[in-house]
Amino acid sequence: MNGVGLEFNHLFGFGVLDAGAMTALAANWRSVPPRYHCEAGAVNTHMEVPTEGTIKLTIDTSACAGTPSEVRYLEHVQAVVSANATRRGDLELFLTSPMGTNPDSWRGFVRGWSLVLHGTRSAPYAQLEPQDPHSKLAVVKKAHEDNAAIK
């Protein structure tokens, strides 16, 4: 489950596509807003990962708020990692989102990493109305509305 409560697979994403739903959606399709790439931050360090322990490196980001490349609706993230280990499989990496989603898995030396956010400034689904209140669109749209109400 991701942070919004949708099931996903580490290999296949959100699963098989529904051709009937895609065809129905295409009849009233509206283009999504422009996509932006936000260089969210970097950690330049050289530290050893303990044999029986972990290290935690955090990038606290504003998602480029107030800049031309601001991302408010995240599509995906890209982590660029520089690390080495003596044997393949000795290093595990866990990239965790602020909502607790943990999609990837690394032991050795971490030399640094950076994070790039990819997404849009405005809601890509603002004009779409979900046909089913339990659809992925409905769940994500409600999560964003709830999050906006909190702020």
N, C-alpha and C. Protein backbone atom coordinates (compact mmCIF):
# COMPACT_ATOMS: atom_id res chain seq x y z
N MET A 1 0.86 -1.18 0.00
CA MET A 1 0.00 0.00 0.00
C MET A 1 0.90 1.24 0.00
N ASN A 2 0.52 2.24 -0.78
CA ASN A 2 1.27 3.49 -0.73
C ASN A 2 0.64 4.38 0.35
N GLY A 3 1.17 5.58 0.52
CA GLY A 3 0.72 6.47 1.58
C GLY A 3 -0.73 6.90 1.46
N VAL A 4 -1.30 6.84 0.26
CA VAL A 4 -2.69 7.25 0.05
C VAL A 4 -3.64 6.07 0.27
N GLY A 5 -3.09 4.86 0.35
CA GLY A 5 -3.93 3.69 0.56
C GLY A 5 -4.20 2.87 -0.69
N LEU A 6 -3.48 3.15 -1.76
CA LEU A 6 -3.65 2.37 -3.00
C LEU A 6 -2.62 1.25 -3.03
N GLU A 7 -3.05 0.07 -3.47
CA GLU A 7 -2.13 -1.04 -3.61
C GLU A 7 -1.27 -0.86 -4.85
N PHE A 8 0.01 -1.22 -4.73
CA PHE A 8 0.91 -1.17 -5.88
C PHE A 8 1.91 -2.30 -5.76
N ASN A 9 2.53 -2.64 -6.87
CA ASN A 9 3.51 -3.71 -6.94
C ASN A 9 4.85 -3.08 -7.29
N HIS A 10 5.93 -3.51 -6.62
CA HIS A 10 7.26 -2.94 -6.88
C HIS A 10 7.73 -3.17 -8.32
N LEU A 11 7.23 -4.22 -8.96
CA LEU A 11 7.64 -4.52 -10.33
C LEU A 11 6.66 -3.98 -11.37
N PHE A 12 5.36 -3.99 -11.06
CA PHE A 12 4.36 -3.68 -12.07
C PHE A 12 3.55 -2.42 -11.77
N GLY A 13 3.90 -1.65 -10.76
CA GLY A 13 3.17 -0.43 -10.46
C GLY A 13 1.78 -0.71 -9.93
N PHE A 14 0.78 -0.09 -10.53
CA PHE A 14 -0.59 -0.21 -10.04
C PHE A 14 -1.38 -1.32 -10.73
N GLY A 15 -0.73 -2.13 -11.58
CA GLY A 15 -1.39 -3.31 -12.11
C GLY A 15 -1.85 -3.21 -13.54
N VAL A 16 -2.72 -4.12 -13.90
CA VAL A 16 -3.22 -4.27 -15.26
C VAL A 16 -4.12 -3.09 -15.62
N LEU A 17 -4.00 -2.61 -16.85
CA LEU A 17 -4.82 -1.50 -17.31
C LEU A 17 -6.20 -1.99 -17.72
N ASP A 18 -7.21 -1.19 -17.46
CA ASP A 18 -8.59 -1.50 -17.83
C ASP A 18 -8.88 -0.80 -19.16
N ALA A 19 -8.84 -1.56 -20.26
CA ALA A 19 -9.00 -0.98 -21.60
C ALA A 19 -10.37 -0.31 -21.77
N GLY A 20 -11.42 -0.89 -21.19
CA GLY A 20 -12.75 -0.28 -21.29
C GLY A 20 -12.80 1.07 -20.60
N ALA A 21 -12.22 1.15 -19.39
CA ALA A 21 -12.20 2.42 -18.66
C ALA A 21 -11.34 3.45 -19.39
N MET A 22 -10.22 3.00 -20.00
CA MET A 22 -9.37 3.94 -20.75
C MET A 22 -10.10 4.49 -21.96
N THR A 23 -10.85 3.64 -22.65
CA THR A 23 -11.61 4.09 -23.82
C THR A 23 -12.68 5.09 -23.43
N ALA A 24 -13.39 4.82 -22.34
CA ALA A 24 -14.43 5.74 -21.87
C ALA A 24 -13.80 7.08 -21.45
N LEU A 25 -12.66 7.02 -20.79
CA LEU A 25 -11.98 8.24 -20.36
C LEU A 25 -11.46 9.04 -21.56
N ALA A 26 -11.01 8.34 -22.60
CA ALA A 26 -10.46 9.02 -23.78
C ALA A 26 -11.52 9.85 -24.50
N ALA A 27 -12.78 9.49 -24.38
CA ALA A 27 -13.85 10.22 -25.05
C ALA A 27 -13.94 11.66 -24.55
N ASN A 28 -13.59 11.90 -23.31
CA ASN A 28 -13.64 13.25 -22.74
C ASN A 28 -12.28 13.71 -22.23
N TRP A 29 -11.21 13.24 -22.86
CA TRP A 29 -9.85 13.50 -22.39
C TRP A 29 -9.48 14.98 -22.45
N ARG A 30 -8.83 15.42 -21.42
CA ARG A 30 -8.23 16.75 -21.39
C ARG A 30 -6.76 16.57 -21.06
N SER A 31 -5.92 17.31 -21.71
CA SER A 31 -4.48 17.20 -21.48
C SER A 31 -4.13 17.58 -20.05
N VAL A 32 -3.08 16.96 -19.54
CA VAL A 32 -2.61 17.27 -18.19
C VAL A 32 -1.76 18.53 -18.23
N PRO A 33 -1.56 19.16 -17.08
CA PRO A 33 -0.73 20.38 -17.04
C PRO A 33 0.73 20.07 -17.37
N PRO A 34 1.53 21.10 -17.60
CA PRO A 34 2.95 20.89 -17.91
C PRO A 34 3.66 20.14 -16.78
N ARG A 35 4.64 19.34 -17.16
CA ARG A 35 5.42 18.57 -16.19
C ARG A 35 6.68 19.35 -15.83
N TYR A 36 7.04 19.30 -14.55
CA TYR A 36 8.23 19.99 -14.06
C TYR A 36 9.17 19.01 -13.39
N HIS A 37 10.44 19.36 -13.35
CA HIS A 37 11.48 18.56 -12.70
C HIS A 37 12.13 19.45 -11.64
N CYS A 38 11.97 19.10 -10.39
CA CYS A 38 12.51 19.86 -9.28
C CYS A 38 13.72 19.14 -8.71
N GLU A 39 14.90 19.78 -8.74
CA GLU A 39 16.07 19.21 -8.09
C GLU A 39 15.92 19.50 -6.61
N ALA A 40 15.41 18.51 -5.88
CA ALA A 40 14.94 18.70 -4.51
C ALA A 40 16.05 18.87 -3.49
N GLY A 41 17.23 18.41 -3.75
CA GLY A 41 18.32 18.54 -2.80
C GLY A 41 19.34 17.44 -2.98
N ALA A 42 20.43 17.56 -2.22
CA ALA A 42 21.50 16.57 -2.32
C ALA A 42 22.20 16.45 -0.97
N VAL A 43 22.74 15.29 -0.72
CA VAL A 43 23.57 15.04 0.46
C VAL A 43 24.91 14.56 -0.08
N ASN A 44 25.96 15.35 0.12
CA ASN A 44 27.30 14.97 -0.32
C ASN A 44 28.09 14.58 0.92
N THR A 45 28.27 13.29 1.08
CA THR A 45 28.92 12.76 2.27
C THR A 45 29.66 11.50 1.92
N HIS A 46 30.53 11.07 2.77
CA HIS A 46 31.19 9.78 2.62
C HIS A 46 31.13 9.11 3.98
N MET A 47 30.23 8.16 4.13
CA MET A 47 30.11 7.49 5.42
C MET A 47 29.93 6.00 5.23
N GLU A 48 30.49 5.26 6.18
CA GLU A 48 30.41 3.81 6.12
C GLU A 48 29.10 3.34 6.75
N VAL A 49 28.48 2.38 6.09
CA VAL A 49 27.28 1.77 6.64
C VAL A 49 27.75 0.65 7.57
N PRO A 50 27.32 0.67 8.84
CA PRO A 50 27.78 -0.37 9.76
C PRO A 50 27.33 -1.76 9.32
N THR A 51 28.12 -2.78 9.65
CA THR A 51 27.82 -4.15 9.26
C THR A 51 26.46 -4.60 9.76
N GLU A 52 26.14 -4.29 10.99
CA GLU A 52 24.88 -4.73 11.58
C GLU A 52 23.96 -3.54 11.87
N GLY A 53 24.04 -2.51 11.09
CA GLY A 53 23.22 -1.35 11.37
C GLY A 53 22.81 -0.62 10.12
N THR A 54 22.31 0.55 10.33
CA THR A 54 21.84 1.36 9.22
C THR A 54 22.29 2.80 9.41
N ILE A 55 22.22 3.55 8.35
CA ILE A 55 22.36 5.00 8.44
C ILE A 55 21.12 5.60 7.79
N LYS A 56 20.77 6.77 8.23
CA LYS A 56 19.59 7.44 7.68
C LYS A 56 20.04 8.79 7.13
N LEU A 57 19.81 8.99 5.85
CA LEU A 57 20.10 10.26 5.19
C LEU A 57 18.78 10.85 4.73
N THR A 58 18.53 12.09 5.08
CA THR A 58 17.25 12.72 4.78
C THR A 58 17.46 13.96 3.94
N ILE A 59 16.59 14.14 2.97
CA ILE A 59 16.52 15.39 2.23
C ILE A 59 15.16 15.98 2.51
N ASP A 60 15.15 17.10 3.22
CA ASP A 60 13.91 17.82 3.50
C ASP A 60 13.74 18.84 2.39
N THR A 61 12.66 18.74 1.65
CA THR A 61 12.51 19.57 0.46
C THR A 61 11.22 20.38 0.48
N SER A 62 11.28 21.51 -0.16
CA SER A 62 10.08 22.34 -0.34
C SER A 62 9.48 22.10 -1.71
N ALA A 63 10.02 21.15 -2.46
CA ALA A 63 9.56 20.81 -3.82
C ALA A 63 9.65 22.02 -4.74
N CYS A 64 10.69 22.84 -4.52
CA CYS A 64 10.96 24.02 -5.34
C CYS A 64 9.83 25.05 -5.26
N ALA A 65 9.15 25.12 -4.13
CA ALA A 65 8.03 26.06 -3.96
C ALA A 65 8.46 27.48 -4.31
N GLY A 66 7.60 28.15 -5.06
CA GLY A 66 7.85 29.53 -5.45
C GLY A 66 8.82 29.72 -6.60
N THR A 67 9.27 28.63 -7.21
CA THR A 67 10.17 28.74 -8.35
C THR A 67 9.45 28.26 -9.62
N PRO A 68 10.01 28.53 -10.78
CA PRO A 68 9.36 28.07 -12.02
C PRO A 68 9.25 26.55 -12.14
N SER A 69 10.03 25.79 -11.37
CA SER A 69 9.95 24.33 -11.46
C SER A 69 9.26 23.70 -10.25
N GLU A 70 8.35 24.44 -9.61
CA GLU A 70 7.62 23.93 -8.44
C GLU A 70 6.79 22.70 -8.79
N VAL A 71 6.84 21.68 -7.92
CA VAL A 71 6.05 20.46 -8.07
C VAL A 71 5.12 20.35 -6.88
N ARG A 72 3.82 20.44 -7.13
CA ARG A 72 2.82 20.29 -6.07
C ARG A 72 2.10 18.96 -6.15
N TYR A 73 2.08 18.34 -7.34
CA TYR A 73 1.44 17.04 -7.55
C TYR A 73 2.50 16.10 -8.10
N LEU A 74 2.97 15.22 -7.25
CA LEU A 74 4.11 14.37 -7.56
C LEU A 74 3.70 13.17 -8.42
N GLU A 75 4.42 12.97 -9.52
CA GLU A 75 4.22 11.79 -10.36
C GLU A 75 5.19 10.69 -9.98
N HIS A 76 6.47 11.02 -9.89
CA HIS A 76 7.45 10.05 -9.43
C HIS A 76 8.71 10.78 -8.97
N VAL A 77 9.57 10.03 -8.26
CA VAL A 77 10.83 10.59 -7.79
C VAL A 77 11.98 9.81 -8.41
N GLN A 78 13.11 10.46 -8.45
CA GLN A 78 14.32 9.84 -8.99
C GLN A 78 15.43 10.08 -7.96
N ALA A 79 15.97 9.00 -7.42
CA ALA A 79 17.08 9.11 -6.47
C ALA A 79 18.36 8.72 -7.21
N VAL A 80 19.34 9.59 -7.20
CA VAL A 80 20.63 9.33 -7.82
C VAL A 80 21.61 9.07 -6.67
N VAL A 81 22.10 7.83 -6.57
CA VAL A 81 22.91 7.42 -5.43
C VAL A 81 24.30 7.03 -5.89
N SER A 82 25.31 7.49 -5.15
CA SER A 82 26.68 7.07 -5.37
C SER A 82 27.10 6.25 -4.16
N ALA A 83 27.34 4.96 -4.35
CA ALA A 83 27.67 4.07 -3.24
C ALA A 83 28.51 2.91 -3.77
N ASN A 84 29.19 2.23 -2.84
CA ASN A 84 29.90 1.02 -3.24
C ASN A 84 29.88 0.01 -2.09
N ALA A 85 30.10 -1.24 -2.44
CA ALA A 85 30.15 -2.33 -1.47
C ALA A 85 31.13 -3.37 -1.99
N THR A 86 31.62 -4.21 -1.10
CA THR A 86 32.60 -5.21 -1.52
C THR A 86 31.96 -6.34 -2.31
N ARG A 87 30.69 -6.64 -2.02
CA ARG A 87 30.00 -7.70 -2.75
C ARG A 87 28.62 -7.23 -3.16
N ARG A 88 28.18 -7.68 -4.34
CA ARG A 88 26.83 -7.39 -4.78
C ARG A 88 25.84 -7.99 -3.78
N GLY A 89 24.84 -7.27 -3.43
CA GLY A 89 23.85 -7.76 -2.48
C GLY A 89 24.14 -7.37 -1.04
N ASP A 90 25.33 -6.78 -0.78
CA ASP A 90 25.68 -6.37 0.58
C ASP A 90 25.03 -5.04 0.97
N LEU A 91 24.49 -4.35 0.02
CA LEU A 91 23.97 -3.01 0.27
C LEU A 91 22.49 -2.97 -0.04
N GLU A 92 21.69 -2.48 0.90
CA GLU A 92 20.25 -2.31 0.67
C GLU A 92 19.88 -0.86 0.88
N LEU A 93 19.06 -0.33 0.00
CA LEU A 93 18.59 1.04 0.09
C LEU A 93 17.08 1.01 0.24
N PHE A 94 16.59 1.78 1.21
CA PHE A 94 15.16 1.92 1.39
C PHE A 94 14.82 3.40 1.24
N LEU A 95 14.10 3.73 0.20
CA LEU A 95 13.67 5.09 -0.05
C LEU A 95 12.23 5.21 0.44
N THR A 96 12.01 6.06 1.45
CA THR A 96 10.70 6.15 2.08
C THR A 96 10.12 7.54 1.88
N SER A 97 8.86 7.59 1.44
CA SER A 97 8.19 8.88 1.23
C SER A 97 7.75 9.46 2.57
N PRO A 98 7.40 10.76 2.61
CA PRO A 98 6.90 11.36 3.85
C PRO A 98 5.64 10.67 4.38
N MET A 99 4.87 10.02 3.49
CA MET A 99 3.66 9.33 3.94
C MET A 99 3.93 7.86 4.26
N GLY A 100 5.20 7.45 4.23
CA GLY A 100 5.56 6.10 4.64
C GLY A 100 5.66 5.08 3.54
N THR A 101 5.45 5.44 2.28
CA THR A 101 5.59 4.49 1.19
C THR A 101 7.07 4.12 1.06
N ASN A 102 7.36 2.85 0.95
CA ASN A 102 8.73 2.35 0.92
C ASN A 102 8.91 1.46 -0.31
N PRO A 103 9.11 2.05 -1.51
CA PRO A 103 9.09 1.27 -2.74
C PRO A 103 10.36 0.54 -3.13
N ASP A 104 11.53 0.93 -2.67
CA ASP A 104 12.75 0.33 -3.18
C ASP A 104 13.66 -0.19 -2.08
N SER A 105 14.45 -1.11 -2.50
CA SER A 105 15.42 -1.57 -1.57
C SER A 105 16.77 -1.58 -2.22
N TRP A 106 19.48 -1.26 0.04
CA TRP A 106 20.91 -1.26 -0.35
C TRP A 106 21.85 -1.52 0.78
N ARG A 107 24.39 -1.99 1.77
CA ARG A 107 25.36 -2.08 2.83
C ARG A 107 26.70 -1.85 2.20
N GLY A 108 27.43 -0.94 2.61
CA GLY A 108 28.73 -0.56 2.11
C GLY A 108 29.00 0.89 2.44
N PHE A 109 29.46 1.67 1.46
CA PHE A 109 29.73 3.09 1.65
C PHE A 109 28.75 3.92 0.84
N VAL A 110 28.24 4.94 1.44
CA VAL A 110 27.40 5.89 0.72
C VAL A 110 28.25 7.14 0.49
N ARG A 111 28.37 7.54 -0.75
CA ARG A 111 29.19 8.70 -1.09
C ARG A 111 28.34 9.96 -1.31
N GLY A 112 27.05 9.78 -1.41
CA GLY A 112 26.16 10.92 -1.58
C GLY A 112 24.94 10.51 -2.38
N TRP A 113 23.96 11.37 -2.37
CA TRP A 113 22.76 11.10 -3.15
C TRP A 113 22.01 12.40 -3.38
N SER A 114 21.20 12.40 -4.40
CA SER A 114 20.36 13.56 -4.70
C SER A 114 18.97 13.07 -5.06
N LEU A 115 18.02 13.96 -4.99
CA LEU A 115 16.63 13.61 -5.22
C LEU A 115 16.03 14.57 -6.23
N VAL A 116 15.37 14.04 -7.25
CA VAL A 116 14.69 14.85 -8.26
C VAL A 116 13.21 14.48 -8.21
N LEU A 117 12.36 15.49 -8.11
CA LEU A 117 10.92 15.29 -8.09
C LEU A 117 10.35 15.60 -9.46
N HIS A 118 9.46 14.76 -9.95
CA HIS A 118 8.82 14.97 -11.24
C HIS A 118 7.32 15.06 -11.01
N GLY A 119 6.70 16.11 -11.53
CA GLY A 119 5.26 16.25 -11.35
C GLY A 119 4.75 17.53 -11.97
N THR A 120 3.60 17.98 -11.49
CA THR A 120 2.96 19.17 -12.03
C THR A 120 2.70 20.19 -10.93
N ARG A 121 2.46 21.42 -11.31
CA ARG A 121 2.16 22.48 -10.36
C ARG A 121 0.68 22.49 -9.99
N SER A 122 -0.17 22.13 -10.96
CA SER A 122 -1.61 22.09 -10.69
C SER A 122 -2.10 20.66 -10.82
N ALA A 123 -3.25 20.39 -10.24
CA ALA A 123 -3.79 19.02 -10.22
C ALA A 123 -4.02 18.50 -11.63
N PRO A 124 -3.41 17.37 -11.99
CA PRO A 124 -3.57 16.84 -13.35
C PRO A 124 -4.94 16.25 -13.61
N TYR A 125 -5.75 16.06 -12.59
CA TYR A 125 -7.05 15.42 -12.73
C TYR A 125 -8.19 16.36 -12.34
N ALA A 126 -7.92 17.66 -12.25
CA ALA A 126 -8.91 18.63 -11.76
C ALA A 126 -10.22 18.57 -12.53
N GLN A 127 -10.16 18.34 -13.83
CA GLN A 127 -11.36 18.33 -14.66
C GLN A 127 -12.05 16.97 -14.73
N LEU A 128 -11.43 15.94 -14.15
CA LEU A 128 -11.97 14.59 -14.25
C LEU A 128 -12.87 14.27 -13.06
N GLU A 129 -13.98 13.63 -13.33
CA GLU A 129 -14.89 13.17 -12.27
C GLU A 129 -14.85 11.66 -12.24
N PRO A 130 -14.54 11.06 -11.11
CA PRO A 130 -14.48 9.60 -11.04
C PRO A 130 -15.85 8.97 -11.25
N GLN A 131 -15.87 7.87 -11.97
CA GLN A 131 -17.12 7.13 -12.20
C GLN A 131 -17.48 6.26 -11.00
N ASP A 132 -16.46 5.82 -10.28
CA ASP A 132 -16.64 4.93 -9.14
C ASP A 132 -16.00 5.58 -7.92
N PRO A 133 -16.70 5.70 -6.80
CA PRO A 133 -16.13 6.37 -5.62
C PRO A 133 -14.95 5.62 -5.00
N HIS A 134 -14.72 4.37 -5.43
CA HIS A 134 -13.61 3.59 -4.91
C HIS A 134 -12.47 3.46 -5.92
N SER A 135 -12.57 4.17 -7.04
CA SER A 135 -11.53 4.09 -8.07
C SER A 135 -10.26 4.78 -7.58
N LYS A 136 -9.15 4.49 -8.24
CA LYS A 136 -7.88 5.13 -7.88
C LYS A 136 -7.98 6.64 -8.01
N LEU A 137 -8.65 7.11 -9.06
CA LEU A 137 -8.83 8.55 -9.25
C LEU A 137 -9.57 9.15 -8.07
N ALA A 138 -10.65 8.52 -7.64
CA ALA A 138 -11.44 9.03 -6.52
C ALA A 138 -10.63 9.06 -5.23
N VAL A 139 -9.86 8.00 -4.97
CA VAL A 139 -9.05 7.92 -3.75
C VAL A 139 -7.97 9.01 -3.73
N VAL A 140 -7.27 9.17 -4.85
CA VAL A 140 -6.19 10.17 -4.92
C VAL A 140 -6.76 11.58 -4.85
N LYS A 141 -7.85 11.82 -5.55
CA LYS A 141 -8.46 13.15 -5.55
C LYS A 141 -8.91 13.52 -4.13
N LYS A 142 -9.52 12.59 -3.42
CA LYS A 142 -9.97 12.84 -2.04
C LYS A 142 -8.77 13.09 -1.12
N ALA A 143 -7.70 12.31 -1.29
CA ALA A 143 -6.50 12.50 -0.45
C ALA A 143 -5.92 13.89 -0.64
N HIS A 144 -5.86 14.36 -1.89
CA HIS A 144 -5.34 15.71 -2.13
C HIS A 144 -6.28 16.78 -1.57
N GLU A 145 -7.59 16.57 -1.69
CA GLU A 145 -8.55 17.55 -1.14
C GLU A 145 -8.44 17.59 0.38
N ASP A 146 -8.31 16.43 1.03
CA ASP A 146 -8.16 16.36 2.47
C ASP A 146 -6.87 17.05 2.91
N ASN A 147 -5.79 16.81 2.17
CA ASN A 147 -4.51 17.43 2.50
C ASN A 147 -4.57 18.94 2.35
N ALA A 148 -5.26 19.42 1.31
CA ALA A 148 -5.40 20.87 1.10
C ALA A 148 -6.23 21.49 2.21
N ALA A 149 -7.24 20.77 2.71
CA ALA A 149 -8.09 21.29 3.79
C ALA A 149 -7.33 21.43 5.09
N ILE A 150 -6.34 20.54 5.31
CA ILE A 150 -5.53 20.59 6.53
C ILE A 150 -4.64 21.82 6.52
N LYS A 151 -4.10 22.16 5.35
CA LYS A 151 -3.19 23.30 5.24
C LYS A 151 -3.99 24.54 5.26
